[in-house]
C-alpha atoms as a PDB file:
ATOM      1  CA  MET A   1     116.816  87.729 117.912  1.00  0.00           C
ATOM      2  CA  HIS A   2     116.202  86.809 114.413  1.00  0.00           C
ATOM      3  CA  VAL A   3     112.815  86.922 112.872  1.00  0.00           C
ATOM      4  CA  ASP A   4     111.680  84.831 110.123  1.00  0.00           C
ATOM      5  CA  TRP A   5     109.684  86.922 107.912  1.00  0.00           C
ATOM      6  CA  PRO A   6     106.091  85.545 107.435  1.00  0.00           C
ATOM      7  CA  ALA A   7     105.885  84.488 103.599  1.00  0.00           C
ATOM      8  CA  GLU A   8     101.915  84.924 103.874  1.00  0.00           C
ATOM      9  CA  ARG A   9     102.086  88.681 104.172  1.00  0.00           C
ATOM     10  CA  LEU A  10     104.684  89.267 101.191  1.00  0.00           C
ATOM     11  CA  GLY A  11     103.678  90.232  97.736  1.00  0.00           C
ATOM     12  CA  LEU A  12     105.105  91.310  94.229  1.00  0.00           C
ATOM     13  CA  ASN A  13     103.051  93.615  91.677  1.00  0.00           C
ATOM     14  CA  VAL A  14     102.711  92.934  88.362  1.00  0.00           C
ATOM     15  CA  PRO A  15     103.925  96.161  86.376  1.00  0.00           C
ATOM     16  CA  SER A  16     101.101  98.429  84.896  1.00  0.00           C
ATOM     17  CA  ASP A  17     100.036  97.277  81.460  1.00  0.00           C
ATOM     18  CA  TRP A  18     101.262  93.702  81.995  1.00  0.00           C
ATOM     19  CA  TRP A  19      98.889  90.921  81.811  1.00  0.00           C
ATOM     20  CA  ALA A  20      99.055  88.491  84.960  1.00  0.00           C
ATOM     21  CA  ALA A  21      99.661  85.587  82.532  1.00  0.00           C
ATOM     22  CA  PRO A  22      99.591  82.099  84.236  1.00  0.00           C
ATOM     23  CA  ALA A  23     103.305  81.723  83.671  1.00  0.00           C
ATOM     24  CA  LEU A  24     104.003  85.386  85.261  1.00  0.00           C
ATOM     25  CA  VAL A  25     102.233  84.655  88.471  1.00  0.00           C
ATOM     26  CA  LYS A  26     103.076  80.664  88.672  1.00  0.00           C
ATOM     27  CA  SER A  27     106.920  82.298  88.713  1.00  0.00           C
ATOM     28  CA  PHE A  28     105.791  84.733  91.516  1.00  0.00           C
ATOM     29  CA  GLU A  29     104.463  81.696  93.318  1.00  0.00           C
ATOM     30  CA  ALA A  30     107.559  79.414  92.707  1.00  0.00           C
ATOM     31  CA  ALA A  31     109.728  82.317  93.886  1.00  0.00           C
ATOM     32  CA  GLY A  32     107.541  82.166  97.476  1.00  0.00           C
ATOM     33  CA  PHE A  33     105.373  85.072  97.394  1.00  0.00           C
ATOM     34  CA  ALA A  34     102.153  84.413  98.776  1.00  0.00           C
ATOM     35  CA  ARG A  35     100.299  87.535  97.342  1.00  0.00           C
ATOM     36  CA  VAL A  36     100.099  89.573  93.883  1.00  0.00           C
ATOM     37  CA  GLN A  37      99.188  93.047  93.127  1.00  0.00           C
ATOM     38  CA  VAL A  38      97.492  93.348  89.557  1.00  0.00           C
ATOM     39  CA  HIS A  39      96.091  97.153  87.934  1.00  0.00           C
ATOM     40  CA  SER A  40      92.740  97.080  87.256  1.00  0.00           C
ATOM     41  CA  PRO A  41      91.340  98.154  83.543  1.00  0.00           C
ATOM     42  CA  PRO A  42      90.554 101.634  82.885  1.00  0.00           C
ATOM     43  CA  ALA A  43      87.832 103.605  84.272  1.00  0.00           C
ATOM     44  CA  SER A  44      85.513 103.407  80.658  1.00  0.00           C
ATOM     45  CA  VAL A  45      86.013  99.435  81.211  1.00  0.00           C
ATOM     46  CA  LEU A  46      84.943  99.300  85.063  1.00  0.00           C
ATOM     47  CA  SER A  47      81.887 101.352  84.385  1.00  0.00           C
ATOM     48  CA  ASP A  48      80.913  99.161  81.881  1.00  0.00           C
ATOM     49  CA  PRO A  49      79.270  95.643  83.999  1.00  0.00           C
ATOM     50  CA  SER A  50      79.661  93.646  80.567  1.00  0.00           C
ATOM     51  CA  GLN A  51      83.420  94.921  79.708  1.00  0.00           C
ATOM     52  CA  SER A  52      84.236  94.749  83.503  1.00  0.00           C
ATOM     53  CA  THR A  53      83.142  91.166  84.158  1.00  0.00           C
ATOM     54  CA  LEU A  54      84.698  89.774  81.281  1.00  0.00           C
ATOM     55  CA  HIS A  55      88.072  91.164  82.108  1.00  0.00           C
ATOM     56  CA  ALA A  56      87.640  89.893  85.824  1.00  0.00           C
ATOM     57  CA  THR A  57      86.600  86.125  84.604  1.00  0.00           C
ATOM     58  CA  ALA A  58      89.841  86.142  82.352  1.00  0.00           C
ATOM     59  CA  LEU A  59      92.165  87.537  85.204  1.00  0.00           C
ATOM     60  CA  ALA A  60      90.651  85.123  88.137  1.00  0.00           C
ATOM     61  CA  ALA A  61      90.870  82.332  85.793  1.00  0.00           C
ATOM     62  CA  ALA A  62      94.981  83.096  85.194  1.00  0.00           C
ATOM     63  CA  LEU A  63      95.107  83.815  88.917  1.00  0.00           C
ATOM     64  CA  ALA A  64      93.266  80.221  89.715  1.00  0.00           C
ATOM     65  CA  THR A  65      96.606  78.680  88.427  1.00  0.00           C
ATOM     66  CA  THR A  66      98.079  79.701  91.661  1.00  0.00           C
ATOM     67  CA  GLY A  67      97.239  80.054  95.345  1.00  0.00           C
ATOM     68  CA  LEU A  68      98.327  83.953  95.215  1.00  0.00           C
ATOM     69  CA  VAL A  69      96.153  86.313  96.642  1.00  0.00           C
ATOM     70  CA  PRO A  70      95.231  89.167  94.885  1.00  0.00           C
ATOM     71  CA  VAL A  71      95.054  92.778  95.324  1.00  0.00           C
ATOM     72  CA  VAL A  72      94.026  95.536  92.796  1.00  0.00           C
ATOM     73  CA  HIS A  73      95.271  98.809  92.019  1.00  0.00           C
ATOM     74  CA  ALA A  74      92.816 101.542  90.786  1.00  0.00           C
ATOM     75  CA  PRO A  75      93.173 103.429  87.795  1.00  0.00           C
ATOM     76  CA  PRO A  76      95.796 106.350  88.959  1.00  0.00           C
ATOM     77  CA  ASP A  77      94.167 109.139  87.336  1.00  0.00           C
ATOM     78  CA  LEU A  78      90.742 108.034  88.997  1.00  0.00           C
ATOM     79  CA  ARG A  79      89.380 110.320  91.388  1.00  0.00           C
ATOM     80  CA  VAL A  80      85.951 109.827  92.834  1.00  0.00           C
ATOM     81  CA  GLY A  81      83.592 112.862  93.589  1.00  0.00           C
ATOM     82  CA  ALA A  82      81.452 113.037  90.680  1.00  0.00           C
ATOM     83  CA  ARG A  83      79.173 110.535  88.918  1.00  0.00           C
ATOM     84  CA  GLU A  84      81.077 109.010  86.249  1.00  0.00           C
ATOM     85  CA  ALA A  85      84.113 108.432  88.569  1.00  0.00           C
ATOM     86  CA  ASP A  86      82.082 107.302  91.147  1.00  0.00           C
ATOM     87  CA  ARG A  87      80.116 104.590  88.723  1.00  0.00           C
ATOM     88  CA  ALA A  88      83.982 103.417  87.795  1.00  0.00           C
ATOM     89  CA  ALA A  89      84.841 103.113  91.500  1.00  0.00           C
ATOM     90  CA  GLU A  90      81.762 101.050  92.126  1.00  0.00           C
ATOM     91  CA  GLY A  91      82.878  98.690  89.363  1.00  0.00           C
ATOM     92  CA  LEU A  92      86.505  98.864  90.814  1.00  0.00           C
ATOM     93  CA  LEU A  93      85.192  97.103  94.029  1.00  0.00           C
ATOM     94  CA  SER A  94      82.544  94.749  92.061  1.00  0.00           C
ATOM     95  CA  TYR A  95      86.172  93.893  89.712  1.00  0.00           C
ATOM     96  CA  ALA A  96      88.259  93.218  93.111  1.00  0.00           C
ATOM     97  CA  ALA A  97      85.096  90.967  94.835  1.00  0.00           C
ATOM     98  CA  GLU A  98      85.344  88.902  91.191  1.00  0.00           C
ATOM     99  CA  ILE A  99      88.841  88.194  91.183  1.00  0.00           C
ATOM    100  CA  GLY A 100      89.032  87.178  94.970  1.00  0.00           C
ATOM    101  CA  ALA A 101      91.229  90.627  95.779  1.00  0.00           C
ATOM    102  CA  THR A 102      91.504  91.969  99.777  1.00  0.00           C
ATOM    103  CA  HIS A 103      92.618  95.159  98.753  1.00  0.00           C
ATOM    104  CA  ALA A 104      91.575  98.314  96.296  1.00  0.00           C
ATOM    105  CA  VAL A 105      94.326 100.817  96.291  1.00  0.00           C
ATOM    106  CA  TYR A 106      93.003 104.212  95.617  1.00  0.00           C
ATOM    107  CA  HIS A 107      95.270 107.715  95.350  1.00  0.00           C
ATOM    108  CA  ALA A 108      93.076 109.509  97.469  1.00  0.00           C
ATOM    109  CA  CYS A 109      93.953 113.487  98.330  1.00  0.00           C
ATOM    110  CA  ALA A 110      96.169 113.254  95.030  1.00  0.00           C
ATOM    111  CA  LEU A 111      95.564 116.979  94.662  1.00  0.00           C
ATOM    112  CA  PRO A 112      97.573 120.337  95.738  1.00  0.00           C
ATOM    113  CA  ASP A 113      97.557 122.179  98.732  1.00  0.00           C
ATOM    114  CA  ALA A 114      95.201 125.235  97.653  1.00  0.00           C
ATOM    115  CA  PRO A 115      92.109 126.719  97.870  1.00  0.00           C
ATOM    116  CA  GLU A 116      90.734 125.432  94.582  1.00  0.00           C
ATOM    117  CA  SER A 117      91.275 121.755  95.732  1.00  0.00           C
ATOM    118  CA  GLU A 118      88.647 122.211  98.852  1.00  0.00           C
ATOM    119  CA  ASP A 119      85.554 121.338  96.802  1.00  0.00           C
ATOM    120  CA  ALA A 120      86.980 118.303  95.045  1.00  0.00           C
ATOM    121  CA  LEU A 121      88.401 116.971  98.494  1.00  0.00           C
ATOM    122  CA  LEU A 122      84.901 117.475  99.742  1.00  0.00           C
ATOM    123  CA  PHE A 123      83.146 115.407  97.043  1.00  0.00           C
ATOM    124  CA  GLU A 124      86.153 112.948  97.292  1.00  0.00           C
ATOM    125  CA  ALA A 125      85.461 112.096 100.950  1.00  0.00           C
ATOM    126  CA  ARG A 126      81.857 111.929 100.695  1.00  0.00           C
ATOM    127  CA  SER A 127      81.832 109.341  97.651  1.00  0.00           C
ATOM    128  CA  LEU A 128      84.437 107.331 100.039  1.00  0.00           C
ATOM    129  CA  ALA A 129      82.133 107.048 102.734  1.00  0.00           C
ATOM    130  CA  ALA A 130      79.314 105.677 100.470  1.00  0.00           C
ATOM    131  CA  LEU A 131      81.884 103.857  98.779  1.00  0.00           C
ATOM    132  CA  SER A 132      82.896 102.257 102.256  1.00  0.00           C
ATOM    133  CA  LEU A 133      79.827 100.770 102.699  1.00  0.00           C
ATOM    134  CA  GLY A 134      80.003  98.662  99.088  1.00  0.00           C
ATOM    135  CA  ALA A 135      83.052  97.755 100.397  1.00  0.00           C
ATOM    136  CA  GLU A 136      82.028  96.234 103.633  1.00  0.00           C
ATOM    137  CA  ARG A 137      78.963  94.421 101.989  1.00  0.00           C
ATOM    138  CA  LEU A 138      81.910  92.658  99.513  1.00  0.00           C
ATOM    139  CA  GLY A 139      84.422  92.342 101.790  1.00  0.00           C
ATOM    140  CA  VAL A 140      87.069  94.296 100.195  1.00  0.00           C
ATOM    141  CA  THR A 141      89.382  96.970 101.923  1.00  0.00           C
ATOM    142  CA  ILE A 142      89.857 100.525 100.472  1.00  0.00           C
ATOM    143  CA  ALA A 143      93.559 101.145 100.749  1.00  0.00           C
ATOM    144  CA  VAL A 144      94.278 104.693 100.177  1.00  0.00           C
ATOM    145  CA  GLU A 145      97.943 105.481  99.276  1.00  0.00           C
ATOM    146  CA  ASN A 146     100.515 108.093  99.879  1.00  0.00           C
ATOM    147  CA  LEU A 147     102.242 109.490  97.085  1.00  0.00           C
ATOM    148  CA  ALA A 148     105.385 111.820  96.429  1.00  0.00           C
ATOM    149  CA  PRO A 149     106.235 113.948  93.894  1.00  0.00           C
ATOM    150  CA  VAL A 150     107.361 111.587  90.503  1.00  0.00           C
ATOM    151  CA  PHE A 151     110.284 114.525  89.725  1.00  0.00           C
ATOM    152  CA  PRO A 152     111.096 117.848  91.788  1.00  0.00           C
ATOM    153  CA  GLY A 153     108.474 119.654  92.048  1.00  0.00           C
ATOM    154  CA  PRO A 154     105.162 120.327  94.629  1.00  0.00           C
ATOM    155  CA  GLU A 155     103.817 117.562  96.802  1.00  0.00           C
ATOM    156  CA  PRO A 156     100.110 116.379  96.370  1.00  0.00           C
ATOM    157  CA  LEU A 157      98.100 116.599  99.602  1.00  0.00           C
ATOM    158  CA  SER A 158      98.697 113.049 100.210  1.00  0.00           C
ATOM    159  CA  ALA A 159     102.268 112.916 100.666  1.00  0.00           C
ATOM    160  CA  SER A 160     101.293 113.458 103.962  1.00  0.00           C
ATOM    161  CA  PRO A 161      99.966 110.205 105.412  1.00  0.00           C
ATOM    162  CA  MET A 162      98.427 112.144 108.404  1.00  0.00           C
ATOM    163  CA  VAL A 163      96.234 113.657 105.762  1.00  0.00           C
ATOM    164  CA  LEU A 164      95.090 110.002 104.729  1.00  0.00           C
ATOM    165  CA  ARG A 165      94.706 109.192 108.376  1.00  0.00           C
ATOM    166  CA  GLY A 166      92.641 111.901 109.100  1.00  0.00           C
ATOM    167  CA  LEU A 167      90.437 110.878 106.179  1.00  0.00           C
ATOM    168  CA  VAL A 168      90.296 107.422 106.883  1.00  0.00           C
ATOM    169  CA  ASN A 169      89.189 108.188 110.573  1.00  0.00           C
ATOM    170  CA  ARG A 170      86.388 110.526 109.487  1.00  0.00           C
ATOM    171  CA  ILE A 171      84.995 108.091 107.233  1.00  0.00           C
ATOM    172  CA  GLY A 172      85.110 105.357 110.338  1.00  0.00           C
ATOM    173  CA  SER A 173      84.798 102.245 108.440  1.00  0.00           C
ATOM    174  CA  GLN A 174      86.554  98.903 108.831  1.00  0.00           C
ATOM    175  CA  ARG A 175      86.802  98.609 105.228  1.00  0.00           C
ATOM    176  CA  ILE A 176      89.256 101.736 104.552  1.00  0.00           C
ATOM    177  CA  GLY A 177      92.250 102.060 105.820  1.00  0.00           C
ATOM    178  CA  ILE A 178      95.992 103.568 104.470  1.00  0.00           C
ATOM    179  CA  CYS A 179      98.469 101.666 101.979  1.00  0.00           C
ATOM    180  CA  LEU A 180     101.816 103.224 103.427  1.00  0.00           C
ATOM    181  CA  ASP A 181     104.132 103.391 100.295  1.00  0.00           C
ATOM    182  CA  VAL A 182     107.476 103.205 102.251  1.00  0.00           C
ATOM    183  CA  GLY A 183     109.109 104.311  99.211  1.00  0.00           C
ATOM    184  CA  HIS A 184     106.744 107.260  98.595  1.00  0.00           C
ATOM    185  CA  ALA A 185     107.360 108.148 102.444  1.00  0.00           C
ATOM    186  CA  HIS A 186     111.368 108.136 102.215  1.00  0.00           C
ATOM    187  CA  ILE A 187     111.255 110.801  99.422  1.00  0.00           C
ATOM    188  CA  VAL A 188     108.777 112.832 101.460  1.00  0.00           C
ATOM    189  CA  ALA A 189     110.859 112.864 104.398  1.00  0.00           C
ATOM    190  CA  GLU A 190     114.350 113.673 102.813  1.00  0.00           C
ATOM    191  CA  LEU A 191     112.181 116.679 101.088  1.00  0.00           C
ATOM    192  CA  ARG A 192     110.738 117.793 104.449  1.00  0.00           C
ATOM    193  CA  ARG A 193     114.282 117.108 106.218  1.00  0.00           C
ATOM    194  CA  THR A 194     113.089 114.635 109.044  1.00  0.00           C
ATOM    195  CA  SER A 195     113.218 110.854 109.518  1.00  0.00           C
ATOM    196  CA  LEU A 196     111.323 108.285 107.747  1.00  0.00           C
ATOM    197  CA  GLU A 197     110.259 107.052 111.204  1.00  0.00           C
ATOM    198  CA  ALA A 198     108.593 110.611 112.104  1.00  0.00           C
ATOM    199  CA  LEU A 199     106.911 110.513 108.902  1.00  0.00           C
ATOM    200  CA  ILE A 200     105.429 107.067 109.171  1.00  0.00           C
ATOM    201  CA  GLU A 201     104.947 106.278 112.928  1.00  0.00           C
ATOM    202  CA  PRO A 202     101.706 108.205 113.599  1.00  0.00           C
ATOM    203  CA  VAL A 203      99.689 106.635 110.914  1.00  0.00           C
ATOM    204  CA  LEU A 204     100.699 102.921 111.585  1.00  0.00           C
ATOM    205  CA  ASP A 205      97.257 102.291 113.512  1.00  0.00           C
ATOM    206  CA  THR A 206      95.229 103.178 110.273  1.00  0.00           C
ATOM    207  CA  VAL A 207      97.672 100.994 107.689  1.00  0.00           C
ATOM    208  CA  THR A 208      96.046  98.066 105.878  1.00  0.00           C
ATOM    209  CA  LEU A 209      98.173  97.411 103.150  1.00  0.00           C
ATOM    210  CA  PHE A 210     102.100  98.143 102.513  1.00  0.00           C
ATOM    211  CA  HIS A 211     103.960  99.031  99.568  1.00  0.00           C
ATOM    212  CA  LEU A 212     107.860  98.818  99.289  1.00  0.00           C
ATOM    213  CA  HIS A 213     110.404  99.867  96.827  1.00  0.00           C
ATOM    214  CA  ASP A 214     113.728 101.792  97.089  1.00  0.00           C
ATOM    215  CA  ASN A 215     114.724 104.979  95.725  1.00  0.00           C
ATOM    216  CA  LEU A 216     117.327 107.788  96.068  1.00  0.00           C
ATOM    217  CA  GLY A 217     115.538 110.071  98.507  1.00  0.00           C
ATOM    218  CA  ALA A 218     115.486 113.735  97.766  1.00  0.00           C
ATOM    219  CA  ARG A 219     118.215 113.615  95.339  1.00  0.00           C
ATOM    220  CA  TRP A 220     119.786 116.592  96.830  1.00  0.00           C
ATOM    221  CA  GLN A 221     122.752 116.656  95.215  1.00  0.00           C
ATOM    222  CA  PRO A 222     123.034 116.690  91.364  1.00  0.00           C
ATOM    223  CA  ALA A 223     123.569 112.947  89.748  1.00  0.00           C
ATOM    224  CA  GLY A 224     124.369 111.709  86.604  1.00  0.00           C
ATOM    225  CA  THR A 225     123.202 108.281  85.169  1.00  0.00           C
ATOM    226  CA  GLU A 226     125.395 106.128  86.814  1.00  0.00           C
ATOM    227  CA  GLY A 227     123.539 102.847  87.997  1.00  0.00           C
ATOM    228  CA  GLY A 228     121.320 103.312  84.799  1.00  0.00           C
ATOM    229  CA  VAL A 229     118.559 105.606  86.757  1.00  0.00           C
ATOM    230  CA  ASP A 230     117.124 108.621  85.507  1.00  0.00           C
ATOM    231  CA  PRO A 231     119.144 111.582  86.965  1.00  0.00           C
ATOM    232  CA  LEU A 232     116.291 113.587  88.068  1.00  0.00           C
ATOM    233  CA  ARG A 233     113.208 111.103  88.892  1.00  0.00           C
ATOM    234  CA  LEU A 234     112.469 110.708  92.741  1.00  0.00           C
ATOM    235  CA  ASP A 235     110.272 107.911  91.973  1.00  0.00           C
ATOM    236  CA  LEU A 236     111.998 105.275  90.762  1.00  0.00           C
ATOM    237  CA  HIS A 237     110.603 101.970  92.198  1.00  0.00           C
ATOM    238  CA  LEU A 238     114.023 100.210  92.594  1.00  0.00           C
ATOM    239  CA  PRO A 239     114.105  96.908  94.179  1.00  0.00           C
ATOM    240  CA  PRO A 240     114.577  97.170  98.228  1.00  0.00           C
ATOM    241  CA  GLY A 241     118.317  97.399  98.875  1.00  0.00           C
ATOM    242  CA  ARG A 242     119.199  99.491  95.556  1.00  0.00           C
ATOM    243  CA  GLY A 243     118.472 102.943  97.155  1.00  0.00           C
ATOM    244  CA  THR A 244     119.079 104.991 100.019  1.00  0.00           C
ATOM    245  CA  LEU A 245     115.769 103.909 102.156  1.00  0.00           C
ATOM    246  CA  PRO A 246     117.157 103.131 105.738  1.00  0.00           C
ATOM    247  CA  TRP A 247     115.805  99.276 105.809  1.00  0.00           C
ATOM    248  CA  GLU A 248     117.397  98.506 109.176  1.00  0.00           C
ATOM    249  CA  ARG A 249     115.040 101.007 110.639  1.00  0.00           C
ATOM    250  CA  VAL A 250     112.016 100.186 108.700  1.00  0.00           C
ATOM    251  CA  ALA A 251     112.097  96.437 109.340  1.00  0.00           C
ATOM    252  CA  PRO A 252     111.465  96.047 112.696  1.00  0.00           C
ATOM    253  CA  ARG A 253     108.116  98.454 112.456  1.00  0.00           C
ATOM    254  CA  LEU A 254     106.903  96.086 109.506  1.00  0.00           C
ATOM    255  CA  ALA A 255     108.022  93.101 111.415  1.00  0.00           C
ATOM    256  CA  GLY A 256     105.994  94.462 114.031  1.00  0.00           C
ATOM    257  CA  HIS A 257     102.892  94.981 111.998  1.00  0.00           C
ATOM    258  CA  ASP A 258     100.260  92.587 110.613  1.00  0.00           C
ATOM    259  CA  ALA A 259      99.103  94.549 107.100  1.00  0.00           C
ATOM    260  CA  PRO A 260     100.222  92.637 103.788  1.00  0.00           C
ATOM    261  CA  VAL A 261     103.308  93.899 101.978  1.00  0.00           C
ATOM    262  CA  VAL A 262     103.783  94.421  98.428  1.00  0.00           C
ATOM    263  CA  LEU A 263     106.928  94.841  96.407  1.00  0.00           C
ATOM    264  CA  GLU A 264     106.351  97.638  93.788  1.00  0.00           C
ATOM    265  CA  VAL A 265     109.490  97.186  91.398  1.00  0.00           C
ATOM    266  CA  HIS A 266     109.188  98.597  88.005  1.00  0.00           C
ATOM    267  CA  PRO A 267     111.149  97.542  85.079  1.00  0.00           C
ATOM    268  CA  PRO A 268     114.162  97.927  83.893  1.00  0.00           C
ATOM    269  CA  TYR A 269     115.368  97.848  87.506  1.00  0.00           C
ATOM    270  CA  ARG A 270     113.361  94.374  88.186  1.00  0.00           C
ATOM    271  CA  PRO A 271     115.392  91.338  88.657  1.00  0.00           C
ATOM    272  CA  ARG A 272     113.916  87.926  88.785  1.00  0.00           C
ATOM    273  CA  ALA A 273     111.174  86.976  91.268  1.00  0.00           C
ATOM    274  CA  GLU A 274     112.994  84.624  93.126  1.00  0.00           C
ATOM    275  CA  GLU A 275     116.205  87.317  93.662  1.00  0.00           C
ATOM    276  CA  LEU A 276     113.555  89.589  94.611  1.00  0.00           C
ATOM    277  CA  TYR A 277     112.157  87.453  97.430  1.00  0.00           C
ATOM    278  CA  ARG A 278     115.424  86.400  98.790  1.00  0.00           C
ATOM    279  CA  SER A 279     116.851  90.006  99.241  1.00  0.00           C
ATOM    280  CA  ALA A 280     113.585  91.211 100.332  1.00  0.00           C
ATOM    281  CA  THR A 281     113.169  88.762 102.868  1.00  0.00           C
ATOM    282  CA  GLU A 282     117.056  89.591 104.139  1.00  0.00           C
ATOM    283  CA  LEU A 283     116.273  93.180 104.397  1.00  0.00           C
ATOM    284  CA  LEU A 284     112.912  92.480 106.232  1.00  0.00           C
ATOM    285  CA  SER A 285     113.985  90.078 108.890  1.00  0.00           C
ATOM    286  CA  PRO A 286     115.902  92.277 111.477  1.00  0.00           C
ATOM    287  CA  GLU A 287     118.212  90.651 113.690  1.00  0.00           C
ATOM    288  CA  ASP A 288     116.721  92.260 116.894  1.00  0.00           C
ATOM    289  CA  THR A 289     113.075  93.627 116.976  1.00  0.00           C
ATOM    290  CA  ILE A 290     113.338  94.181 120.640  1.00  0.00           C
ATOM    291  CA  GLY A 291     111.371  97.340 121.770  1.00  0.00           C
ATOM    292  CA  ALA A 292     109.838  97.457 117.874  1.00  0.00           C
ATOM    293  CA  PRO A 293     106.364  98.776 117.500  1.00  0.00           C
ATOM    294  CA  GLN A 294     103.768  96.087 118.025  1.00  0.00           C
ATOM    295  CA  THR A 295     100.580  97.188 115.680  1.00  0.00           C
ATOM    296  CA  THR A 296      97.532  95.131 115.282  1.00  0.00           C
ATOM    297  CA  VAL A 297      94.987  96.658 112.823  1.00  0.00           C
ATOM    298  CA  GLY A 298      91.507  96.009 112.385  1.00  0.00           C
ATOM    299  CA  THR A 299      91.018  97.130 108.696  1.00  0.00           C
ATOM    300  CA  THR A 300      93.677  94.503 107.298  1.00  0.00           C
ATOM    301  CA  ALA A 301      91.261  92.050 105.331  1.00  0.00           C
ATOM    302  CA  VAL A 302      92.714  88.386 104.218  1.00  0.00           C
END
């Protein structure tokens, strides 16, 4: 049985350091995408209400030329748990609300699994619990993202989706869930010599947003520069279908979920928006979804 992919769930990212100019986001909408992910300004701007509002107003005006529903990504180096960082995170939630974003993506637990991380993790969890109250008031969902090593090396704690599930469940707010980055999970699954399904299946009940992109997994064998990619980089952010991620096994799980899906494809591998949309919908529309997990998540906000 062929399943048509629900277009209202699918979005495309504006790459980091790119401005969401009207011509760009209109091209996303014309290609068929219904959502767009943008990066927030840095913490220094988010902490200043006047600057943050100025930036958000300009972005909202650009997005208003389309019907795209935005998602905002926090600065990758933002780590809540200290006064200045918490102020920036509060600004992030206000910024998200001002542009009409449904989700704010945040890199939680982006620390090594070591005793010296314990205090920072505790403070981060406390701050996220407090921030979730503001998120509930503003109608924005905080989506904590699983990470992966960019190059071969140690994994952060957030490489384990179960670590993030534990954090989300301890906070217990309807406005915090997991941003499950399937490309990152593919790398980590291969590094741990397990299946992608085994890594992601236990956390699907707390997923409120998906990130999709492709890569070459753990890259155990030496690689050259064929295909125009870095020979050592793991987190490549290739277009779906260009790497080794087992889309035929992942697609039924995505089709059986209700969370929005954002393609995160980085330059210089990025084709035109219409090509991305066409190839993604082909990969994500499995011919047979009988027996696929059907997951309805209360943390999904639209």
